Amino acid sequence: MTEPIDFYYWSTPNGWKIGIMLEETETPYHVIPVDIMAGEQFKPEFLAISPNNKMPAIVDPEGPDGKPISLFESGAILWYLGEKTGRFLPNNSRDRYTVIQWLMFQMGGVGPMLGQAHHFRQYAPETIPYAINRYTNEATRLYNVLNKRLAESEYVAGDYSIADMAILPWIVPYERQGQNLADYPHLQRWFEGLKVRPAVQRGLAILKDRSVNRDMDEEARDNLFGTRQPEKR
């Protein structure tokens, strides 16, 4: 019997990615909450798995060589799970690299830039018009890239893949990034189609009752964005 993967998780776009993939592949897993607002990402036992003090992370007791393996960075985890399960990551080299390039597009562009748009529009302690405009404009550019791509392809990288699972969670909070999906009809068609998938719904619902509607007090703000973070690492 396959042993469950330990899934270190909190309800954020990067966490949602892995939850969706685990659900899509029906991979057994055990959720270990990492309350990033309470500072649990700085615990030594978590840093031993994720030295960058970020979740998600996994520990698979049945790694590639039959021994346990731990992984951090959501893109690496998606890639690993694709190889482990043989699903949503093509074996054909050309198609595989198409998926990988769009996965890297998310990791290097969509996540960081939309995250900054979200931060300066929602969480920054002061209004900084330059930062808001800079990252909202970049979010608009990236949404246009996706809309153009999805005008010519049903899914981001051809067939449904880990690239879609990586990008979708970052589109979920589109309003907080200053975007209107109606402005991007092909992206909207893709988004609405994926959100009705049962596995996507289950992945987005993990720990939902515990990690939403939380007040952002000073302790939580410091744990997420504070100047003491370098000391805690």
C-alpha atoms as a PDB file:
ATOM      1  CA  MET A   1       0.000   0.000   0.000  1.00  0.00           C
ATOM      2  CA  THR A   2       1.313   3.434  -0.941  1.00  0.00           C
ATOM      3  CA  GLU A   3       2.287   5.522   2.076  1.00  0.00           C
ATOM      4  CA  PRO A   4       0.789   9.018   2.135  1.00  0.00           C
ATOM      5  CA  ILE A   5       2.907  12.049   1.358  1.00  0.00           C
ATOM      6  CA  ASP A   6       3.308  14.569   4.166  1.00  0.00           C
ATOM      7  CA  PHE A   7       2.020  17.838   2.721  1.00  0.00           C
ATOM      8  CA  TYR A   8       3.121  20.983   4.580  1.00  0.00           C
ATOM      9  CA  TYR A   9       0.472  23.478   3.633  1.00  0.00           C
ATOM     10  CA  TRP A  10      -1.349  26.732   4.170  1.00  0.00           C
ATOM     11  CA  SER A  11      -4.129  28.180   2.024  1.00  0.00           C
ATOM     12  CA  THR A  12      -2.257  30.363  -0.471  1.00  0.00           C
ATOM     13  CA  PRO A  13      -1.848  30.184  -4.255  1.00  0.00           C
ATOM     14  CA  ASN A  14       1.392  28.228  -3.921  1.00  0.00           C
ATOM     15  CA  GLY A  15      -0.238  25.809  -1.502  1.00  0.00           C
ATOM     16  CA  TRP A  16      -3.290  25.409  -3.718  1.00  0.00           C
ATOM     17  CA  LYS A  17      -1.119  24.268  -6.626  1.00  0.00           C
ATOM     18  CA  ILE A  18       0.050  21.173  -4.805  1.00  0.00           C
ATOM     19  CA  GLY A  19      -3.334  20.399  -3.294  1.00  0.00           C
ATOM     20  CA  ILE A  20      -4.846  20.415  -6.778  1.00  0.00           C
ATOM     21  CA  MET A  21      -2.147  18.116  -8.155  1.00  0.00           C
ATOM     22  CA  LEU A  22      -2.465  15.662  -5.270  1.00  0.00           C
ATOM     23  CA  GLU A  23      -6.219  15.566  -5.765  1.00  0.00           C
ATOM     24  CA  GLU A  24      -6.009  15.280  -9.561  1.00  0.00           C
ATOM     25  CA  THR A  25      -3.649  12.301  -9.271  1.00  0.00           C
ATOM     26  CA  GLU A  26      -5.469  10.750  -6.307  1.00  0.00           C
ATOM     27  CA  THR A  27      -2.158  10.591  -4.467  1.00  0.00           C
ATOM     28  CA  PRO A  28      -2.593   9.783  -0.753  1.00  0.00           C
ATOM     29  CA  TYR A  29      -1.440  12.652   1.441  1.00  0.00           C
ATOM     30  CA  HIS A  30      -1.490  13.874   5.006  1.00  0.00           C
ATOM     31  CA  VAL A  31      -1.911  17.607   5.532  1.00  0.00           C
ATOM     32  CA  ILE A  32       0.438  19.213   8.054  1.00  0.00           C
ATOM     33  CA  PRO A  33      -0.729  22.808   8.573  1.00  0.00           C
ATOM     34  CA  VAL A  34       1.928  25.530   8.536  1.00  0.00           C
ATOM     35  CA  ASP A  35       0.207  28.645   9.850  1.00  0.00           C
ATOM     36  CA  ILE A  36       2.343  31.314   8.207  1.00  0.00           C
ATOM     37  CA  MET A  37       0.461  34.091   9.986  1.00  0.00           C
ATOM     38  CA  ALA A  38       1.424  32.565  13.341  1.00  0.00           C
ATOM     39  CA  GLY A  39       5.069  32.138  12.308  1.00  0.00           C
ATOM     40  CA  GLU A  40       5.087  28.350  12.107  1.00  0.00           C
ATOM     41  CA  GLN A  41       7.241  28.553   8.974  1.00  0.00           C
ATOM     42  CA  PHE A  42      10.171  29.511  11.217  1.00  0.00           C
ATOM     43  CA  LYS A  43      10.098  26.362  13.339  1.00  0.00           C
ATOM     44  CA  PRO A  44      13.394  24.407  13.110  1.00  0.00           C
ATOM     45  CA  GLU A  45      11.627  21.200  12.100  1.00  0.00           C
ATOM     46  CA  PHE A  46      10.016  22.960   9.142  1.00  0.00           C
ATOM     47  CA  LEU A  47      13.208  24.774   8.147  1.00  0.00           C
ATOM     48  CA  ALA A  48      14.912  21.378   7.957  1.00  0.00           C
ATOM     49  CA  ILE A  49      12.503  20.576   5.104  1.00  0.00           C
ATOM     50  CA  SER A  50      12.073  24.035   3.610  1.00  0.00           C
ATOM     51  CA  PRO A  51      15.199  26.136   4.316  1.00  0.00           C
ATOM     52  CA  ASN A  52      13.670  29.161   2.578  1.00  0.00           C
ATOM     53  CA  ASN A  53      10.944  29.200   5.285  1.00  0.00           C
ATOM     54  CA  LYS A  54       8.222  29.022   2.643  1.00  0.00           C
ATOM     55  CA  MET A  55       5.460  26.534   2.150  1.00  0.00           C
ATOM     56  CA  PRO A  56       4.392  24.298   0.515  1.00  0.00           C
ATOM     57  CA  ALA A  57       6.790  21.460   1.072  1.00  0.00           C
ATOM     58  CA  ILE A  58       6.415  17.702   0.960  1.00  0.00           C
ATOM     59  CA  VAL A  59       8.056  14.634   2.400  1.00  0.00           C
ATOM     60  CA  ASP A  60       7.481  11.519   0.325  1.00  0.00           C
ATOM     61  CA  PRO A  61       8.354   8.365   2.297  1.00  0.00           C
ATOM     62  CA  GLU A  62       8.631   6.504  -1.005  1.00  0.00           C
ATOM     63  CA  GLY A  63      11.095   8.592  -2.995  1.00  0.00           C
ATOM     64  CA  PRO A  64      12.629   7.748  -6.380  1.00  0.00           C
ATOM     65  CA  ASP A  65      15.173   5.359  -4.821  1.00  0.00           C
ATOM     66  CA  GLY A  66      12.736   3.896  -2.334  1.00  0.00           C
ATOM     67  CA  LYS A  67      13.963   6.226   0.394  1.00  0.00           C
ATOM     68  CA  PRO A  68      12.191   9.293   1.816  1.00  0.00           C
ATOM     69  CA  ILE A  69      12.689  12.556  -0.045  1.00  0.00           C
ATOM     70  CA  SER A  70      11.764  16.094   0.990  1.00  0.00           C
ATOM     71  CA  LEU A  71      11.105  18.901  -1.457  1.00  0.00           C
ATOM     72  CA  PHE A  72      10.355  22.599  -1.232  1.00  0.00           C
ATOM     73  CA  GLU A  73       9.460  25.097  -4.020  1.00  0.00           C
ATOM     74  CA  SER A  74       6.029  24.499  -5.522  1.00  0.00           C
ATOM     75  CA  GLY A  75       7.268  24.223  -9.112  1.00  0.00           C
ATOM     76  CA  ALA A  76       9.762  21.529  -8.160  1.00  0.00           C
ATOM     77  CA  ILE A  77       7.059  19.666  -6.243  1.00  0.00           C
ATOM     78  CA  LEU A  78       4.676  19.754  -9.219  1.00  0.00           C
ATOM     79  CA  TRP A  79       7.448  18.482 -11.485  1.00  0.00           C
ATOM     80  CA  TYR A  80       8.287  15.707  -9.027  1.00  0.00           C
ATOM     81  CA  LEU A  81       4.674  14.618  -8.655  1.00  0.00           C
ATOM     82  CA  GLY A  82       4.235  14.644 -12.419  1.00  0.00           C
ATOM     83  CA  GLU A  83       7.171  12.269 -12.782  1.00  0.00           C
ATOM     84  CA  LYS A  84       6.150  10.138  -9.803  1.00  0.00           C
ATOM     85  CA  THR A  85       2.587   9.610 -11.007  1.00  0.00           C
ATOM     86  CA  GLY A  86       3.219   9.734 -14.744  1.00  0.00           C
ATOM     87  CA  ARG A  87       0.393  12.238 -15.137  1.00  0.00           C
ATOM     88  CA  PHE A  88       0.060  15.843 -16.323  1.00  0.00           C
ATOM     89  CA  LEU A  89       3.713  15.969 -17.479  1.00  0.00           C
ATOM     90  CA  PRO A  90       4.178  14.507 -20.961  1.00  0.00           C
ATOM     91  CA  ASN A  91       6.807  11.894 -21.753  1.00  0.00           C
ATOM     92  CA  ASN A  92       7.300  13.261 -25.267  1.00  0.00           C
ATOM     93  CA  SER A  93      10.261  15.634 -25.091  1.00  0.00           C
ATOM     94  CA  ARG A  94       8.739  18.423 -27.187  1.00  0.00           C
ATOM     95  CA  ASP A  95       5.465  18.443 -25.267  1.00  0.00           C
ATOM     96  CA  ARG A  96       7.300  18.077 -21.962  1.00  0.00           C
ATOM     97  CA  TYR A  97       9.389  21.183 -22.594  1.00  0.00           C
ATOM     98  CA  THR A  98       6.271  23.114 -23.561  1.00  0.00           C
ATOM     99  CA  VAL A  99       4.821  22.313 -20.145  1.00  0.00           C
ATOM    100  CA  ILE A 100       8.090  23.114 -18.377  1.00  0.00           C
ATOM    101  CA  GLN A 101       8.460  26.512 -20.055  1.00  0.00           C
ATOM    102  CA  TRP A 102       4.968  27.557 -18.966  1.00  0.00           C
ATOM    103  CA  LEU A 103       5.638  26.230 -15.473  1.00  0.00           C
ATOM    104  CA  MET A 104       8.740  28.439 -15.376  1.00  0.00           C
ATOM    105  CA  PHE A 105       6.642  31.331 -16.705  1.00  0.00           C
ATOM    106  CA  GLN A 106       4.492  30.965 -13.618  1.00  0.00           C
ATOM    107  CA  MET A 107       7.382  30.557 -11.204  1.00  0.00           C
ATOM    108  CA  GLY A 108       9.431  33.429 -12.594  1.00  0.00           C
ATOM    109  CA  GLY A 109       6.695  35.841 -13.640  1.00  0.00           C
ATOM    110  CA  VAL A 110       3.095  35.156 -12.703  1.00  0.00           C
ATOM    111  CA  GLY A 111       3.713  34.286  -9.050  1.00  0.00           C
ATOM    112  CA  PRO A 112       6.213  37.010  -8.143  1.00  0.00           C
ATOM    113  CA  MET A 113       4.576  39.823 -10.104  1.00  0.00           C
ATOM    114  CA  LEU A 114       0.960  39.083  -9.209  1.00  0.00           C
ATOM    115  CA  GLY A 115       2.063  38.553  -5.643  1.00  0.00           C
ATOM    116  CA  GLN A 116       3.616  42.027  -5.574  1.00  0.00           C
ATOM    117  CA  ALA A 117       0.487  43.548  -7.123  1.00  0.00           C
ATOM    118  CA  HIS A 118      -1.575  41.838  -4.472  1.00  0.00           C
ATOM    119  CA  HIS A 119       0.774  42.996  -1.707  1.00  0.00           C
ATOM    120  CA  PHE A 120       0.954  46.673  -2.614  1.00  0.00           C
ATOM    121  CA  ARG A 121      -2.769  46.897  -3.347  1.00  0.00           C
ATOM    122  CA  GLN A 122      -3.886  44.948  -0.279  1.00  0.00           C
ATOM    123  CA  TYR A 123      -1.290  44.693   2.481  1.00  0.00           C
ATOM    124  CA  ALA A 124       1.258  47.508   2.253  1.00  0.00           C
ATOM    125  CA  PRO A 125       1.067  49.719   5.381  1.00  0.00           C
ATOM    126  CA  GLU A 126       1.119  52.831   3.204  1.00  0.00           C
ATOM    127  CA  THR A 127      -0.175  53.640  -0.258  1.00  0.00           C
ATOM    128  CA  ILE A 128       2.687  53.807  -2.749  1.00  0.00           C
ATOM    129  CA  PRO A 129       1.245  54.827  -6.147  1.00  0.00           C
ATOM    130  CA  TYR A 130       4.417  53.958  -8.081  1.00  0.00           C
ATOM    131  CA  ALA A 131       4.489  50.398  -6.697  1.00  0.00           C
ATOM    132  CA  ILE A 132       0.755  49.920  -7.220  1.00  0.00           C
ATOM    133  CA  ASN A 133       0.967  51.111 -10.824  1.00  0.00           C
ATOM    134  CA  ARG A 134       4.165  49.200 -11.534  1.00  0.00           C
ATOM    135  CA  TYR A 135       2.862  45.821 -10.422  1.00  0.00           C
ATOM    136  CA  THR A 136      -0.727  46.289 -11.563  1.00  0.00           C
ATOM    137  CA  ASN A 137       0.564  47.129 -15.039  1.00  0.00           C
ATOM    138  CA  GLU A 138       2.791  44.059 -14.984  1.00  0.00           C
ATOM    139  CA  ALA A 139      -0.172  41.936 -13.891  1.00  0.00           C
ATOM    140  CA  THR A 140      -2.125  43.312 -16.849  1.00  0.00           C
ATOM    141  CA  ARG A 141       0.729  42.431 -19.191  1.00  0.00           C
ATOM    142  CA  LEU A 142       0.897  38.855 -17.863  1.00  0.00           C
ATOM    143  CA  TYR A 143      -2.871  38.428 -18.101  1.00  0.00           C
ATOM    144  CA  ASN A 144      -2.633  39.513 -21.733  1.00  0.00           C
ATOM    145  CA  VAL A 145       0.127  36.967 -22.379  1.00  0.00           C
ATOM    146  CA  LEU A 146      -2.105  34.227 -20.988  1.00  0.00           C
ATOM    147  CA  ASN A 147      -5.174  35.470 -22.842  1.00  0.00           C
ATOM    148  CA  LYS A 148      -3.296  35.424 -26.143  1.00  0.00           C
ATOM    149  CA  ARG A 149      -1.919  31.956 -25.477  1.00  0.00           C
ATOM    150  CA  LEU A 150      -5.345  30.602 -24.525  1.00  0.00           C
ATOM    151  CA  ALA A 151      -6.860  32.035 -27.687  1.00  0.00           C
ATOM    152  CA  GLU A 152      -4.886  29.396 -29.563  1.00  0.00           C
ATOM    153  CA  SER A 153      -4.817  26.537 -27.051  1.00  0.00           C
ATOM    154  CA  GLU A 154      -7.465  24.966 -24.821  1.00  0.00           C
ATOM    155  CA  TYR A 155      -4.983  24.770 -21.971  1.00  0.00           C
ATOM    156  CA  VAL A 156      -1.808  26.704 -21.320  1.00  0.00           C
ATOM    157  CA  ALA A 157       0.599  24.050 -22.576  1.00  0.00           C
ATOM    158  CA  GLY A 158      -1.586  22.026 -24.913  1.00  0.00           C
ATOM    159  CA  ASP A 159      -3.264  19.345 -22.811  1.00  0.00           C
ATOM    160  CA  TYR A 160      -4.223  19.919 -19.185  1.00  0.00           C
ATOM    161  CA  SER A 161      -0.999  19.811 -17.187  1.00  0.00           C
ATOM    162  CA  ILE A 162       0.946  20.956 -14.151  1.00  0.00           C
ATOM    163  CA  ALA A 163       1.363  24.303 -15.934  1.00  0.00           C
ATOM    164  CA  ASP A 164      -2.374  24.950 -15.617  1.00  0.00           C
ATOM    165  CA  MET A 165      -2.333  23.852 -11.975  1.00  0.00           C
ATOM    166  CA  ALA A 166       0.527  26.261 -11.281  1.00  0.00           C
ATOM    167  CA  ILE A 167      -1.112  29.276 -12.908  1.00  0.00           C
ATOM    168  CA  LEU A 168      -4.757  28.851 -11.909  1.00  0.00           C
ATOM    169  CA  PRO A 169      -4.354  29.612  -8.174  1.00  0.00           C
ATOM    170  CA  TRP A 170      -2.691  32.943  -8.952  1.00  0.00           C
ATOM    171  CA  ILE A 171      -5.705  33.965 -11.056  1.00  0.00           C
ATOM    172  CA  VAL A 172      -8.174  33.152  -8.261  1.00  0.00           C
ATOM    173  CA  PRO A 173      -7.596  36.514  -6.475  1.00  0.00           C
ATOM    174  CA  TYR A 174      -7.687  38.491  -9.744  1.00  0.00           C
ATOM    175  CA  GLU A 175      -9.738  41.353  -8.309  1.00  0.00           C
ATOM    176  CA  ARG A 176      -7.079  42.028  -5.676  1.00  0.00           C
ATOM    177  CA  GLN A 177      -4.559  42.347  -8.517  1.00  0.00           C
ATOM    178  CA  GLY A 178      -6.652  45.071 -10.144  1.00  0.00           C
ATOM    179  CA  GLN A 179      -7.945  42.817 -12.917  1.00  0.00           C
ATOM    180  CA  ASN A 180     -11.329  42.073 -14.468  1.00  0.00           C
ATOM    181  CA  LEU A 181     -11.560  38.664 -16.125  1.00  0.00           C
ATOM    182  CA  ALA A 182     -14.154  39.962 -18.562  1.00  0.00           C
ATOM    183  CA  ASP A 183     -11.306  41.886 -20.197  1.00  0.00           C
ATOM    184  CA  TYR A 184      -9.615  38.567 -21.032  1.00  0.00           C
ATOM    185  CA  PRO A 185     -12.271  36.299 -22.596  1.00  0.00           C
ATOM    186  CA  HIS A 186      -9.962  33.383 -23.414  1.00  0.00           C
ATOM    187  CA  LEU A 187      -8.391  33.439 -19.967  1.00  0.00           C
ATOM    188  CA  GLN A 188     -11.861  33.666 -18.433  1.00  0.00           C
ATOM    189  CA  ARG A 189     -13.050  30.629 -20.439  1.00  0.00           C
ATOM    190  CA  TRP A 190     -10.040  28.623 -19.209  1.00  0.00           C
ATOM    191  CA  PHE A 191     -10.428  29.823 -15.616  1.00  0.00           C
ATOM    192  CA  GLU A 192     -14.117  29.031 -15.369  1.00  0.00           C
ATOM    193  CA  GLY A 193     -13.593  25.620 -16.974  1.00  0.00           C
ATOM    194  CA  LEU A 194     -10.895  24.614 -14.528  1.00  0.00           C
ATOM    195  CA  LYS A 195     -12.675  25.855 -11.421  1.00  0.00           C
ATOM    196  CA  VAL A 196     -15.529  23.369 -11.919  1.00  0.00           C
ATOM    197  CA  ARG A 197     -13.199  20.366 -11.980  1.00  0.00           C
ATOM    198  CA  PRO A 198     -13.921  18.342  -8.809  1.00  0.00           C
ATOM    199  CA  ALA A 199     -10.230  17.851  -8.015  1.00  0.00           C
ATOM    200  CA  VAL A 200      -9.576  21.581  -8.368  1.00  0.00           C
ATOM    201  CA  GLN A 201     -12.449  22.336  -6.020  1.00  0.00           C
ATOM    202  CA  ARG A 202     -11.123  19.836  -3.471  1.00  0.00           C
ATOM    203  CA  GLY A 203      -7.605  21.230  -3.745  1.00  0.00           C
ATOM    204  CA  LEU A 204      -8.806  24.788  -3.174  1.00  0.00           C
ATOM    205  CA  ALA A 205     -10.873  23.698  -0.164  1.00  0.00           C
ATOM    206  CA  ILE A 206      -8.046  22.186   1.926  1.00  0.00           C
ATOM    207  CA  LEU A 207      -8.020  23.845   5.374  1.00  0.00           C
ATOM    208  CA  LYS A 208     -10.284  26.567   4.007  1.00  0.00           C
ATOM    209  CA  ASP A 209     -12.106  26.848   7.307  1.00  0.00           C
ATOM    210  CA  ARG A 210      -8.837  27.458   9.169  1.00  0.00           C
ATOM    211  CA  SER A 211      -6.945  29.848   6.953  1.00  0.00           C
ATOM    212  CA  VAL A 212      -9.394  32.407   5.618  1.00  0.00           C
ATOM    213  CA  ASN A 213     -11.026  35.451   7.157  1.00  0.00           C
ATOM    214  CA  ARG A 214      -8.126  35.996   9.526  1.00  0.00           C
ATOM    215  CA  ASP A 215      -7.328  39.437  10.869  1.00  0.00           C
ATOM    216  CA  MET A 216      -3.942  40.795   9.811  1.00  0.00           C
ATOM    217  CA  ASP A 217      -2.646  41.940  13.196  1.00  0.00           C
ATOM    218  CA  GLU A 218       0.883  43.253  13.728  1.00  0.00           C
ATOM    219  CA  GLU A 219       2.271  39.841  14.672  1.00  0.00           C
ATOM    220  CA  ALA A 220       0.848  38.243  11.532  1.00  0.00           C
ATOM    221  CA  ARG A 221       2.127  41.126   9.391  1.00  0.00           C
ATOM    222  CA  ASP A 222       5.604  40.745  10.869  1.00  0.00           C
ATOM    223  CA  ASN A 223       5.617  36.986  10.304  1.00  0.00           C
ATOM    224  CA  LEU A 224       4.663  37.478   6.663  1.00  0.00           C
ATOM    225  CA  PHE A 225       6.468  40.668   5.698  1.00  0.00           C
ATOM    226  CA  GLY A 226       8.446  41.922   8.695  1.00  0.00           C
ATOM    227  CA  THR A 227      12.030  43.070   9.043  1.00  0.00           C
ATOM    228  CA  ARG A 228      12.729  40.315  11.569  1.00  0.00           C
ATOM    229  CA  GLN A 229      12.412  37.629   8.931  1.00  0.00           C
ATOM    230  CA  PRO A 230      16.168  37.510   8.236  1.00  0.00           C
ATOM    231  CA  GLU A 231      16.808  36.854  11.915  1.00  0.00           C
ATOM    232  CA  LYS A 232      14.277  34.027  11.998  1.00  0.00           C
ATOM    233  CA  ARG A 233      15.844  32.205   9.090  1.00  0.00           C
END
